[in-house]
Amino acid sequence: MSEIVSFKVPRELKEKMRRYKDRINWSKLLRDFLAEKIRLLEAEENLKKISRMISETKGVPRGFSASSIREDRDGY
């Protein structure tokens, strides 16, 4: 279901939009812009969450990587 969103623009901008309405679907352009902006904001939020989670981890004990590789090679 769709919702209506409205906002004000300066009169001269609205006049210029009218001038190009046959070349540009302003509604679609604005919908696409808003969707992309929200996608970027959500990605930024997710990146911050992941970064915070990584910084809160304690890491692995010294030598863990080498012993894990040895186990994999030996088939254990």
N, C-alpha and C. Protein backbone atom coordinates (compact mmCIF):
# COMPACT_ATOMS: atom_id res chain seq x y z
N MET A 1 0.84 -1.18 0.00
CA MET A 1 0.00 0.00 0.00
C MET A 1 0.88 1.24 0.00
N SER A 2 0.48 2.21 -0.72
CA SER A 2 1.26 3.44 -0.84
C SER A 2 0.75 4.51 0.13
N GLU A 3 1.64 5.39 0.48
CA GLU A 3 1.32 6.55 1.31
C GLU A 3 1.68 7.80 0.53
N ILE A 4 1.04 8.90 0.87
CA ILE A 4 1.36 10.17 0.23
C ILE A 4 2.31 10.95 1.13
N VAL A 5 3.37 11.47 0.52
CA VAL A 5 4.33 12.32 1.21
C VAL A 5 4.39 13.63 0.44
N SER A 6 4.35 14.73 1.14
CA SER A 6 4.45 16.01 0.44
C SER A 6 5.48 16.88 1.14
N PHE A 7 6.06 17.80 0.39
CA PHE A 7 7.04 18.73 0.94
C PHE A 7 7.06 19.98 0.10
N LYS A 8 7.58 21.02 0.68
CA LYS A 8 7.61 22.31 -0.02
C LYS A 8 8.95 22.49 -0.73
N VAL A 9 8.86 23.13 -1.88
CA VAL A 9 10.05 23.53 -2.63
C VAL A 9 9.86 25.00 -3.02
N PRO A 10 10.95 25.70 -3.27
CA PRO A 10 10.83 27.10 -3.71
C PRO A 10 10.03 27.18 -5.02
N ARG A 11 9.30 28.26 -5.18
CA ARG A 11 8.44 28.45 -6.36
C ARG A 11 9.23 28.29 -7.66
N GLU A 12 10.42 28.91 -7.73
CA GLU A 12 11.18 28.82 -8.99
C GLU A 12 11.60 27.38 -9.31
N LEU A 13 11.85 26.59 -8.29
CA LEU A 13 12.19 25.19 -8.51
C LEU A 13 10.97 24.45 -9.05
N LYS A 14 9.83 24.69 -8.47
CA LYS A 14 8.59 24.06 -8.95
C LYS A 14 8.31 24.44 -10.40
N GLU A 15 8.56 25.69 -10.76
CA GLU A 15 8.35 26.12 -12.14
C GLU A 15 9.30 25.40 -13.09
N LYS A 16 10.53 25.23 -12.66
CA LYS A 16 11.50 24.50 -13.49
C LYS A 16 11.10 23.03 -13.61
N MET A 17 10.59 22.45 -12.54
CA MET A 17 10.12 21.06 -12.60
C MET A 17 8.99 20.92 -13.61
N ARG A 18 8.06 21.88 -13.61
CA ARG A 18 6.96 21.88 -14.57
C ARG A 18 7.48 21.94 -16.00
N ARG A 19 8.52 22.73 -16.20
CA ARG A 19 9.09 22.90 -17.54
C ARG A 19 9.62 21.57 -18.09
N TYR A 20 10.13 20.71 -17.20
CA TYR A 20 10.73 19.45 -17.64
C TYR A 20 9.88 18.22 -17.33
N LYS A 21 8.61 18.41 -16.97
CA LYS A 21 7.78 17.28 -16.57
C LYS A 21 7.56 16.27 -17.69
N ASP A 22 7.70 16.69 -18.96
CA ASP A 22 7.56 15.76 -20.07
C ASP A 22 8.80 14.89 -20.25
N ARG A 23 9.91 15.29 -19.63
CA ARG A 23 11.18 14.55 -19.76
C ARG A 23 11.53 13.76 -18.51
N ILE A 24 10.99 14.18 -17.37
CA ILE A 24 11.36 13.54 -16.11
C ILE A 24 10.11 13.19 -15.32
N ASN A 25 10.04 11.94 -14.87
CA ASN A 25 8.97 11.51 -13.99
C ASN A 25 9.43 11.85 -12.57
N TRP A 26 9.03 13.01 -12.08
CA TRP A 26 9.53 13.50 -10.79
C TRP A 26 9.16 12.58 -9.64
N SER A 27 7.98 12.01 -9.66
CA SER A 27 7.57 11.10 -8.60
C SER A 27 8.49 9.89 -8.52
N LYS A 28 8.75 9.29 -9.67
CA LYS A 28 9.62 8.10 -9.70
C LYS A 28 11.03 8.48 -9.28
N LEU A 29 11.52 9.60 -9.78
CA LEU A 29 12.87 10.05 -9.43
C LEU A 29 13.01 10.22 -7.92
N LEU A 30 12.03 10.86 -7.31
CA LEU A 30 12.08 11.08 -5.86
C LEU A 30 11.93 9.76 -5.08
N ARG A 31 11.04 8.88 -5.53
CA ARG A 31 10.90 7.57 -4.87
C ARG A 31 12.20 6.80 -4.93
N ASP A 32 12.82 6.77 -6.11
CA ASP A 32 14.09 6.05 -6.27
C ASP A 32 15.19 6.66 -5.40
N PHE A 33 15.24 7.99 -5.36
CA PHE A 33 16.24 8.66 -4.54
C PHE A 33 16.05 8.32 -3.06
N LEU A 34 14.81 8.38 -2.59
CA LEU A 34 14.54 8.09 -1.19
C LEU A 34 14.87 6.63 -0.85
N ALA A 35 14.51 5.72 -1.72
CA ALA A 35 14.80 4.30 -1.49
C ALA A 35 16.31 4.07 -1.40
N GLU A 36 17.07 4.68 -2.29
CA GLU A 36 18.53 4.52 -2.29
C GLU A 36 19.15 5.14 -1.04
N LYS A 37 18.66 6.31 -0.65
CA LYS A 37 19.18 6.98 0.55
C LYS A 37 18.92 6.13 1.79
N ILE A 38 17.74 5.56 1.89
CA ILE A 38 17.41 4.69 3.03
C ILE A 38 18.28 3.44 3.01
N ARG A 39 18.49 2.87 1.82
CA ARG A 39 19.36 1.68 1.71
C ARG A 39 20.76 2.00 2.21
N LEU A 40 21.29 3.16 1.85
CA LEU A 40 22.63 3.56 2.29
C LEU A 40 22.67 3.80 3.80
N LEU A 41 21.64 4.41 4.35
CA LEU A 41 21.60 4.65 5.80
C LEU A 41 21.52 3.33 6.57
N GLU A 42 20.72 2.39 6.07
CA GLU A 42 20.63 1.08 6.72
C GLU A 42 21.95 0.33 6.64
N ALA A 43 22.63 0.42 5.50
CA ALA A 43 23.93 -0.23 5.35
C ALA A 43 24.94 0.37 6.33
N GLU A 44 24.90 1.69 6.49
CA GLU A 44 25.78 2.37 7.43
C GLU A 44 25.50 1.92 8.86
N GLU A 45 24.22 1.81 9.23
CA GLU A 45 23.85 1.32 10.55
C GLU A 45 24.35 -0.10 10.78
N ASN A 46 24.15 -0.96 9.78
CA ASN A 46 24.60 -2.35 9.89
C ASN A 46 26.11 -2.44 10.03
N LEU A 47 26.83 -1.61 9.30
CA LEU A 47 28.28 -1.61 9.38
C LEU A 47 28.74 -1.20 10.78
N LYS A 48 28.07 -0.20 11.35
CA LYS A 48 28.41 0.24 12.71
C LYS A 48 28.14 -0.88 13.72
N LYS A 49 27.01 -1.60 13.56
CA LYS A 49 26.69 -2.71 14.46
C LYS A 49 27.75 -3.80 14.37
N ILE A 50 28.13 -4.15 13.15
CA ILE A 50 29.14 -5.19 12.95
C ILE A 50 30.48 -4.75 13.52
N SER A 51 30.84 -3.51 13.28
CA SER A 51 32.10 -2.98 13.80
C SER A 51 32.11 -3.03 15.33
N ARG A 52 30.98 -2.65 15.94
CA ARG A 52 30.86 -2.69 17.39
C ARG A 52 30.98 -4.13 17.90
N MET A 53 30.33 -5.06 17.21
CA MET A 53 30.40 -6.47 17.61
C MET A 53 31.83 -7.00 17.52
N ILE A 54 32.53 -6.63 16.46
CA ILE A 54 33.92 -7.09 16.29
C ILE A 54 34.80 -6.51 17.38
N SER A 55 34.60 -5.23 17.70
CA SER A 55 35.45 -4.62 18.72
C SER A 55 35.18 -5.18 20.12
N GLU A 56 33.99 -5.75 20.32
CA GLU A 56 33.65 -6.33 21.62
C GLU A 56 34.14 -7.76 21.78
N THR A 57 34.57 -8.38 20.70
CA THR A 57 35.08 -9.75 20.82
C THR A 57 36.48 -9.73 21.42
N LYS A 58 36.80 -10.77 22.13
CA LYS A 58 38.09 -10.82 22.83
C LYS A 58 39.22 -11.34 21.96
N GLY A 59 38.88 -11.87 20.81
CA GLY A 59 39.93 -12.40 19.94
C GLY A 59 40.17 -13.87 20.23
N VAL A 60 41.26 -14.38 19.75
CA VAL A 60 41.60 -15.79 19.94
C VAL A 60 42.94 -15.89 20.66
N PRO A 61 43.14 -16.99 21.38
CA PRO A 61 44.41 -17.14 22.08
C PRO A 61 45.59 -17.25 21.11
N ARG A 62 46.74 -16.86 21.59
CA ARG A 62 47.96 -16.92 20.79
C ARG A 62 48.23 -18.36 20.35
N GLY A 63 48.52 -18.54 19.08
CA GLY A 63 48.81 -19.86 18.53
C GLY A 63 47.59 -20.61 18.03
N PHE A 64 46.42 -20.06 18.20
CA PHE A 64 45.19 -20.74 17.79
C PHE A 64 45.18 -21.02 16.29
N SER A 65 45.55 -20.04 15.50
CA SER A 65 45.52 -20.21 14.05
C SER A 65 46.44 -21.33 13.59
N ALA A 66 47.65 -21.32 14.12
CA ALA A 66 48.63 -22.35 13.72
C ALA A 66 48.13 -23.74 14.12
N SER A 67 47.59 -23.86 15.33
CA SER A 67 47.12 -25.19 15.77
C SER A 67 45.89 -25.62 14.96
N SER A 68 45.05 -24.70 14.58
CA SER A 68 43.88 -25.04 13.76
C SER A 68 44.30 -25.53 12.39
N ILE A 69 45.29 -24.87 11.81
CA ILE A 69 45.79 -25.29 10.50
C ILE A 69 46.40 -26.68 10.59
N ARG A 70 47.19 -26.90 11.65
CA ARG A 70 47.79 -28.22 11.85
C ARG A 70 46.72 -29.30 11.95
N GLU A 71 45.66 -29.03 12.73
CA GLU A 71 44.57 -29.99 12.87
C GLU A 71 43.93 -30.29 11.53
N ASP A 72 43.69 -29.26 10.74
CA ASP A 72 43.07 -29.47 9.42
C ASP A 72 43.97 -30.32 8.53
N ARG A 73 45.26 -30.05 8.56
CA ARG A 73 46.20 -30.81 7.71
C ARG A 73 46.29 -32.26 8.15
N ASP A 74 46.25 -32.47 9.47
CA ASP A 74 46.36 -33.84 9.99
C ASP A 74 45.04 -34.60 9.93
N GLY A 75 43.95 -33.91 9.63
CA GLY A 75 42.67 -34.57 9.49
C GLY A 75 41.95 -34.83 10.80
N TYR A 76 42.25 -34.09 11.83
CA TYR A 76 41.58 -34.31 13.12
C TYR A 76 40.30 -33.56 13.22
